[in-house]
Protein backbone atom coordinates (compact mmCIF):
# COMPACT_ATOMS: atom_id res chain seq x y z
CA MET A 1 115.41 89.29 84.98
CA GLY A 2 112.85 89.65 87.75
CA ALA A 3 112.76 92.17 90.49
CA LEU A 4 114.56 91.52 93.74
CA THR A 5 111.92 91.86 96.40
CA ASP A 6 111.85 91.58 100.16
CA PHE A 7 108.93 92.09 102.52
CA VAL A 8 109.59 93.16 106.10
CA VAL A 9 107.45 93.91 109.14
CA ALA A 10 108.41 97.39 110.29
CA ASP A 11 107.17 100.83 111.12
CA ARG A 12 106.63 103.13 108.16
CA GLY A 13 109.28 105.44 109.68
CA ASP A 14 111.89 102.73 109.06
CA ALA A 15 111.52 103.08 105.27
CA ARG A 16 114.84 104.93 104.76
CA ARG A 17 116.82 102.33 106.72
CA ILE A 18 115.13 99.55 104.77
CA CYS A 19 115.75 101.34 101.48
CA ASP A 20 119.46 101.63 102.33
CA SER A 21 119.71 97.92 103.14
CA HIS A 22 121.21 95.43 100.70
CA ASN A 23 119.25 92.50 102.12
CA PRO A 24 116.28 93.70 104.19
CA SER A 25 114.70 90.30 104.74
CA GLN A 26 117.90 89.16 106.48
CA GLU A 27 118.74 92.43 108.23
CA PHE A 28 115.22 93.19 109.49
CA GLY A 29 113.62 89.75 109.42
CA GLY A 30 111.11 89.09 106.71
CA LEU A 31 110.50 87.35 103.44
CA ASP A 32 112.68 87.09 100.34
CA ALA A 33 110.12 87.20 97.54
CA LYS A 34 112.19 87.52 94.36
CA GLY A 35 109.97 88.10 91.35
CA ILE A 36 107.03 89.61 93.20
CA ASP A 37 106.58 93.17 92.05
CA THR A 38 104.01 95.90 92.49
CA VAL A 39 101.98 94.62 89.54
CA LYS A 40 101.69 91.10 90.99
CA LEU A 41 100.91 92.52 94.41
CA GLY A 42 98.35 94.86 92.83
CA GLU A 43 96.69 91.90 91.11
CA LEU A 44 96.43 90.14 94.47
CA HIS A 45 94.98 93.26 96.07
CA ALA A 46 92.37 93.58 93.31
CA LEU A 47 91.48 89.90 93.64
CA LEU A 48 90.92 90.16 97.38
CA ARG A 49 88.96 93.41 97.10
CA GLY A 50 86.87 92.17 94.22
CA GLY A 51 87.73 95.30 92.28
CA GLU A 52 90.08 96.76 89.74
CA PHE A 53 93.83 97.16 89.98
CA ASP A 54 94.69 100.20 92.11
CA PRO A 55 97.80 102.05 90.88
CA ALA A 56 98.23 103.57 94.37
CA ILE A 57 100.19 100.41 95.21
CA HIS A 58 103.00 101.93 93.12
CA GLU A 59 103.47 104.95 95.41
CA THR A 60 106.94 104.83 96.91
CA ILE A 61 107.64 105.85 100.48
CA CYS A 62 111.40 105.77 99.86
CA ASP A 63 113.07 106.16 96.48
CA GLY A 64 116.63 104.98 95.90
CA GLY A 65 116.90 106.21 92.32
CA ALA A 66 116.24 105.04 88.76
CA GLU A 67 117.13 101.38 89.38
CA GLY A 68 116.07 101.34 93.01
CA PRO A 69 115.82 100.21 95.55
CA TRP A 70 112.36 101.48 96.33
CA VAL A 71 110.22 100.89 99.37
CA PHE A 72 106.44 100.64 99.19
CA GLU A 73 103.96 100.17 102.00
CA VAL A 74 101.73 97.17 101.39
CA PRO A 75 98.22 98.64 101.68
CA PRO A 76 96.98 98.12 105.24
CA ASP A 77 93.70 96.65 104.02
CA LEU A 78 95.63 94.06 101.98
CA VAL A 79 97.68 93.18 105.07
CA GLN A 80 94.48 92.76 107.10
CA ARG A 81 92.79 90.69 104.41
CA LEU A 82 95.78 88.37 104.04
CA ALA A 83 96.22 88.08 107.79
CA GLY A 84 92.60 87.00 108.18
CA LEU A 85 92.47 84.27 105.53
CA THR A 86 91.84 80.71 106.66
CA PRO A 87 93.96 77.91 105.17
CA ALA A 88 91.10 76.97 102.82
CA GLU A 89 90.67 80.59 101.74
CA LEU A 90 94.43 80.92 101.18
CA GLU A 91 94.34 77.88 98.92
CA GLU A 92 91.43 79.29 96.91
CA VAL A 93 93.00 82.74 96.60
CA GLY A 94 96.30 81.14 95.57
CA ARG A 95 94.58 79.19 92.79
CA LYS A 96 92.92 82.34 91.50
CA TRP A 97 96.04 84.51 91.81
CA ALA A 98 98.10 81.90 89.92
CA THR A 99 95.82 82.34 86.90
CA ALA A 100 96.67 86.06 86.63
CA GLU A 101 98.34 86.93 83.35
CA VAL A 102 101.43 88.23 85.19
CA PHE A 103 102.29 84.62 86.15
CA SER A 104 101.64 83.20 82.68
CA PRO A 105 104.29 81.84 80.28
CA ARG A 106 104.04 85.13 78.40
CA TYR A 107 105.55 86.92 81.38
CA ASP A 108 107.15 85.08 84.30
CA ASN A 109 105.85 81.52 83.87
CA TRP A 110 105.39 80.75 87.56
CA PRO A 111 104.00 77.33 88.46
CA ALA A 112 100.88 77.42 90.64
CA GLU A 113 102.81 75.81 93.51
CA ARG A 114 105.29 78.70 93.60
CA VAL A 115 102.47 81.25 93.63
CA GLN A 116 100.75 79.35 96.44
CA GLN A 117 103.98 79.19 98.49
CA GLN A 118 104.64 82.92 98.10
CA LEU A 119 101.06 83.70 99.08
CA GLY A 120 101.27 81.51 102.18
CA ASP A 121 104.57 83.09 103.23
CA LEU A 122 103.23 86.59 102.65
CA ALA A 123 100.04 85.85 104.60
CA ALA A 124 102.14 84.59 107.54
CA LEU A 125 104.15 87.82 107.47
CA CYS A 126 100.90 89.82 107.39
CA ARG A 127 99.62 87.92 110.44
CA GLN A 128 102.85 88.84 112.22
CA ALA A 129 102.49 92.52 111.23
CA ALA A 130 98.85 92.61 112.33
CA GLY A 131 99.78 91.05 115.66
CA GLU A 132 102.55 93.59 116.23
CA GLY A 133 100.54 96.58 114.98
CA LYS A 134 103.13 97.30 112.28
CA SER A 135 103.22 97.75 108.53
CA VAL A 136 104.47 95.40 105.86
CA LEU A 137 107.02 97.21 103.73
CA MET A 138 108.05 95.98 100.30
CA TRP A 139 111.66 96.61 99.25
CA MET A 140 112.23 96.21 95.53
CA CYS A 141 115.26 96.63 93.29
CA LEU A 142 116.00 95.81 89.65
């Protein structure tokens, strides 16, 4: 079973309210991204930075307990990078991200089209956050 994940545009100070929510993408407006977890997001971050996976992406800003929910702040530089991608760049990044082992049959077996769709939706949310001067918060629960 994959993680339940929602991304919302909010202020970091809203983390507790988001953590207490049962459906943040509906209650706060955002993106239902079931199956995206901190490892997948970390792989995307590393891909866009051209570096190694950064475990700092796993730092919670609100902890709901052993099975969650948890709230993480999407790194601001990842938000800015995603917000600034052109459609052609999004397509290229999506192709590369889809080849990550975390999407392979060994793990979640996501088709490339699903990865591309999630990336496009997340980039749109990042453009919104950048335009509003807010954070993108990731709510996740098992």
